[in-house]
Amino acid sequence: MQTALRKMGNSTGMIVPRSILGEIGVAAGAAMDLRVEDGRLIVTPITTPTRAGWATSAAAMALSDGSEEADWQAFGNQGDHDLQW
């Protein structure tokens, strides 16, 4: 499959067909890592772990005003109002 480089403002872009994006498991807007190896452009999706940053966020909540319980109550689940304790 071939594509062409295109002028996009002050940059140059390349249109990547949806079929190619699907093969590498990404969609438009995905963060990508670019590097050059032996004169070839290598493009790799940047993936982050599912729970990346959760520990930092939890620590920030605990330090916010000392009322950690109130902060955690803001994180509800669908159907919580139906539960009886």
N, C-alpha and C. Protein backbone atom coordinates (compact mmCIF):
# COMPACT_ATOMS: atom_id res chain seq x y z
N MET A 1 0.84 -1.17 0.00
CA MET A 1 0.00 0.00 0.00
C MET A 1 0.89 1.23 0.00
N GLN A 2 0.52 2.23 -0.75
CA GLN A 2 1.30 3.45 -0.83
C GLN A 2 0.49 4.63 -0.33
N THR A 3 1.19 5.65 0.16
CA THR A 3 0.57 6.89 0.57
C THR A 3 1.54 8.01 0.25
N ALA A 4 1.12 9.24 0.38
CA ALA A 4 1.99 10.38 0.06
C ALA A 4 2.08 11.30 1.26
N LEU A 5 3.20 11.98 1.37
CA LEU A 5 3.36 13.01 2.39
C LEU A 5 2.64 14.25 1.91
N ARG A 6 1.97 14.93 2.84
CA ARG A 6 1.17 16.11 2.47
C ARG A 6 1.49 17.27 3.39
N LYS A 7 1.46 18.45 2.84
CA LYS A 7 1.68 19.66 3.61
C LYS A 7 0.46 19.91 4.48
N MET A 8 0.68 20.13 5.79
CA MET A 8 -0.40 20.40 6.73
C MET A 8 0.04 21.57 7.61
N GLY A 9 -0.31 22.78 7.21
CA GLY A 9 0.15 23.95 7.94
C GLY A 9 1.65 24.09 7.80
N ASN A 10 2.34 24.20 8.94
CA ASN A 10 3.80 24.28 8.93
C ASN A 10 4.46 22.91 9.06
N SER A 11 3.67 21.87 8.99
CA SER A 11 4.17 20.51 9.16
C SER A 11 3.90 19.68 7.90
N THR A 12 4.33 18.46 7.95
CA THR A 12 4.06 17.51 6.88
C THR A 12 3.40 16.29 7.52
N GLY A 13 2.34 15.81 6.90
CA GLY A 13 1.62 14.67 7.45
C GLY A 13 1.49 13.55 6.44
N MET A 14 1.06 12.41 6.94
CA MET A 14 0.87 11.24 6.09
C MET A 14 -0.48 10.64 6.43
N ILE A 15 -1.28 10.37 5.44
CA ILE A 15 -2.57 9.72 5.65
C ILE A 15 -2.33 8.22 5.78
N VAL A 16 -2.80 7.66 6.90
CA VAL A 16 -2.66 6.22 7.14
C VAL A 16 -4.04 5.59 6.98
N PRO A 17 -4.20 4.66 6.07
CA PRO A 17 -5.51 4.03 5.85
C PRO A 17 -6.03 3.33 7.11
N ARG A 18 -7.35 3.34 7.26
CA ARG A 18 -7.99 2.73 8.42
C ARG A 18 -7.61 1.26 8.57
N SER A 19 -7.45 0.55 7.46
CA SER A 19 -7.10 -0.87 7.53
C SER A 19 -5.74 -1.08 8.21
N ILE A 20 -4.81 -0.18 7.93
CA ILE A 20 -3.48 -0.27 8.56
C ILE A 20 -3.60 0.05 10.05
N LEU A 21 -4.35 1.09 10.40
CA LEU A 21 -4.55 1.42 11.81
C LEU A 21 -5.17 0.25 12.55
N GLY A 22 -6.14 -0.40 11.91
CA GLY A 22 -6.78 -1.56 12.53
C GLY A 22 -5.81 -2.70 12.78
N GLU A 23 -4.88 -2.90 11.87
CA GLU A 23 -3.90 -3.98 12.03
C GLU A 23 -3.00 -3.78 13.24
N ILE A 24 -2.73 -2.51 13.58
CA ILE A 24 -1.86 -2.27 14.75
C ILE A 24 -2.67 -1.91 15.98
N GLY A 25 -4.01 -1.93 15.86
CA GLY A 25 -4.88 -1.75 17.02
C GLY A 25 -5.01 -0.31 17.51
N VAL A 26 -4.99 0.67 16.61
CA VAL A 26 -5.15 2.06 17.02
C VAL A 26 -6.22 2.73 16.15
N ALA A 27 -6.64 3.91 16.56
CA ALA A 27 -7.60 4.71 15.80
C ALA A 27 -7.06 6.13 15.71
N ALA A 28 -7.75 6.95 14.95
CA ALA A 28 -7.34 8.35 14.79
C ALA A 28 -7.20 9.00 16.17
N GLY A 29 -6.16 9.77 16.35
CA GLY A 29 -5.90 10.45 17.61
C GLY A 29 -4.99 9.70 18.56
N ALA A 30 -4.63 8.46 18.23
CA ALA A 30 -3.76 7.66 19.10
C ALA A 30 -2.37 8.28 19.17
N ALA A 31 -1.75 8.20 20.34
CA ALA A 31 -0.37 8.67 20.51
C ALA A 31 0.58 7.65 19.90
N MET A 32 1.55 8.14 19.14
CA MET A 32 2.48 7.27 18.45
C MET A 32 3.91 7.69 18.74
N ASP A 33 4.81 6.72 18.77
CA ASP A 33 6.25 6.97 18.93
C ASP A 33 6.89 6.84 17.55
N LEU A 34 7.71 7.83 17.17
CA LEU A 34 8.39 7.82 15.87
C LEU A 34 9.89 7.69 16.08
N ARG A 35 10.53 6.87 15.26
CA ARG A 35 11.99 6.77 15.27
C ARG A 35 12.46 6.34 13.88
N VAL A 36 13.72 6.57 13.62
CA VAL A 36 14.30 6.19 12.33
C VAL A 36 15.33 5.10 12.59
N GLU A 37 15.23 4.01 11.86
CA GLU A 37 16.19 2.91 11.93
C GLU A 37 16.61 2.55 10.52
N ASP A 38 17.89 2.62 10.25
CA ASP A 38 18.43 2.26 8.94
C ASP A 38 17.68 2.96 7.80
N GLY A 39 17.39 4.24 7.98
CA GLY A 39 16.73 5.00 6.93
C GLY A 39 15.24 4.73 6.80
N ARG A 40 14.65 4.01 7.74
CA ARG A 40 13.22 3.71 7.70
C ARG A 40 12.52 4.38 8.87
N LEU A 41 11.33 4.86 8.64
CA LEU A 41 10.51 5.45 9.68
C LEU A 41 9.75 4.34 10.38
N ILE A 42 9.94 4.22 11.68
CA ILE A 42 9.26 3.20 12.48
C ILE A 42 8.25 3.93 13.37
N VAL A 43 6.99 3.54 13.25
CA VAL A 43 5.91 4.17 14.01
C VAL A 43 5.31 3.10 14.91
N THR A 44 5.29 3.37 16.23
CA THR A 44 4.81 2.39 17.20
C THR A 44 3.77 3.04 18.10
N PRO A 45 2.63 2.38 18.34
CA PRO A 45 1.64 2.95 19.26
C PRO A 45 2.21 3.07 20.67
N ILE A 46 1.89 4.16 21.33
CA ILE A 46 2.29 4.34 22.72
C ILE A 46 1.15 3.81 23.57
N THR A 47 1.44 2.84 24.40
CA THR A 47 0.42 2.27 25.27
C THR A 47 0.76 2.60 26.71
N THR A 48 -0.26 2.86 27.50
CA THR A 48 -0.07 3.09 28.92
C THR A 48 -0.84 2.03 29.68
N PRO A 49 -0.31 1.60 30.81
CA PRO A 49 -1.02 0.61 31.60
C PRO A 49 -2.41 1.13 31.99
N THR A 50 -3.36 0.23 32.12
CA THR A 50 -4.74 0.59 32.41
C THR A 50 -4.87 1.46 33.66
N ARG A 51 -4.15 1.15 34.69
CA ARG A 51 -4.28 1.89 35.95
C ARG A 51 -3.13 2.89 36.17
N ALA A 52 -2.51 3.33 35.10
CA ALA A 52 -1.39 4.26 35.23
C ALA A 52 -1.85 5.53 35.93
N GLY A 53 -1.11 5.93 36.94
CA GLY A 53 -1.38 7.17 37.65
C GLY A 53 -2.39 7.07 38.78
N TRP A 54 -2.96 5.90 39.02
CA TRP A 54 -4.00 5.81 40.05
C TRP A 54 -3.44 6.07 41.44
N ALA A 55 -2.23 5.62 41.72
CA ALA A 55 -1.65 5.81 43.05
C ALA A 55 -1.43 7.29 43.34
N THR A 56 -0.96 8.03 42.36
CA THR A 56 -0.74 9.46 42.53
C THR A 56 -2.07 10.17 42.76
N SER A 57 -3.09 9.81 42.00
CA SER A 57 -4.40 10.43 42.17
C SER A 57 -4.99 10.13 43.55
N ALA A 58 -4.85 8.90 43.99
CA ALA A 58 -5.37 8.52 45.30
C ALA A 58 -4.64 9.27 46.41
N ALA A 59 -3.33 9.41 46.27
CA ALA A 59 -2.56 10.15 47.28
C ALA A 59 -2.97 11.61 47.31
N ALA A 60 -3.22 12.21 46.15
CA ALA A 60 -3.64 13.61 46.09
C ALA A 60 -5.00 13.79 46.76
N MET A 61 -5.89 12.82 46.58
CA MET A 61 -7.20 12.90 47.22
C MET A 61 -7.07 12.85 48.73
N ALA A 62 -6.19 12.00 49.21
CA ALA A 62 -6.01 11.84 50.64
C ALA A 62 -5.45 13.12 51.27
N LEU A 63 -4.66 13.86 50.52
CA LEU A 63 -4.04 15.07 51.03
C LEU A 63 -4.88 16.33 50.81
N SER A 64 -5.96 16.22 50.04
CA SER A 64 -6.70 17.41 49.63
C SER A 64 -7.16 18.26 50.81
N ASP A 65 -7.94 17.72 51.73
CA ASP A 65 -8.37 18.51 52.88
C ASP A 65 -8.58 17.62 54.10
N GLY A 66 -8.07 16.43 54.02
CA GLY A 66 -8.19 15.52 55.16
C GLY A 66 -9.48 14.72 55.17
N SER A 67 -10.40 14.99 54.27
CA SER A 67 -11.66 14.26 54.25
C SER A 67 -11.66 13.25 53.11
N GLU A 68 -10.77 12.30 53.21
CA GLU A 68 -10.62 11.29 52.15
C GLU A 68 -11.93 10.57 51.88
N GLU A 69 -12.70 10.31 52.91
CA GLU A 69 -13.95 9.58 52.74
C GLU A 69 -14.89 10.31 51.79
N ALA A 70 -14.99 11.63 51.92
CA ALA A 70 -15.88 12.40 51.04
C ALA A 70 -15.40 12.33 49.60
N ASP A 71 -14.10 12.36 49.40
CA ASP A 71 -13.56 12.27 48.04
C ASP A 71 -13.88 10.93 47.41
N TRP A 72 -13.72 9.84 48.16
CA TRP A 72 -13.96 8.52 47.60
C TRP A 72 -15.44 8.29 47.31
N GLN A 73 -16.33 8.94 48.04
CA GLN A 73 -17.75 8.74 47.80
C GLN A 73 -18.19 9.31 46.46
N ALA A 74 -17.39 10.17 45.87
CA ALA A 74 -17.72 10.72 44.56
C ALA A 74 -17.57 9.69 43.45
N PHE A 75 -16.89 8.58 43.72
CA PHE A 75 -16.67 7.54 42.72
C PHE A 75 -17.73 6.46 42.90
N GLY A 76 -18.87 6.66 42.27
CA GLY A 76 -19.94 5.68 42.36
C GLY A 76 -19.92 4.70 41.19
N ASN A 77 -20.72 3.68 41.31
CA ASN A 77 -20.91 2.71 40.24
C ASN A 77 -22.35 2.77 39.79
N GLN A 78 -22.57 2.43 38.54
CA GLN A 78 -23.92 2.41 38.03
C GLN A 78 -24.74 1.42 38.85
N GLY A 79 -25.90 1.85 39.31
CA GLY A 79 -26.77 0.98 40.10
C GLY A 79 -26.53 1.05 41.60
N ASP A 80 -25.61 1.90 42.06
CA ASP A 80 -25.34 2.02 43.50
C ASP A 80 -26.59 2.41 44.29
N HIS A 81 -27.42 3.27 43.71
CA HIS A 81 -28.60 3.75 44.43
C HIS A 81 -29.59 2.61 44.74
N ASP A 82 -29.49 1.51 44.03
CA ASP A 82 -30.38 0.37 44.24
C ASP A 82 -29.90 -0.55 45.36
N LEU A 83 -28.68 -0.37 45.81
CA LEU A 83 -28.10 -1.27 46.81
C LEU A 83 -28.56 -0.88 48.22
N GLN A 84 -28.73 -1.87 49.06
CA GLN A 84 -29.05 -1.63 50.47
C GLN A 84 -27.95 -2.25 51.32
N TRP A 85 -27.50 -1.51 52.28
CA TRP A 85 -26.41 -2.00 53.15
C TRP A 85 -26.94 -2.32 54.50
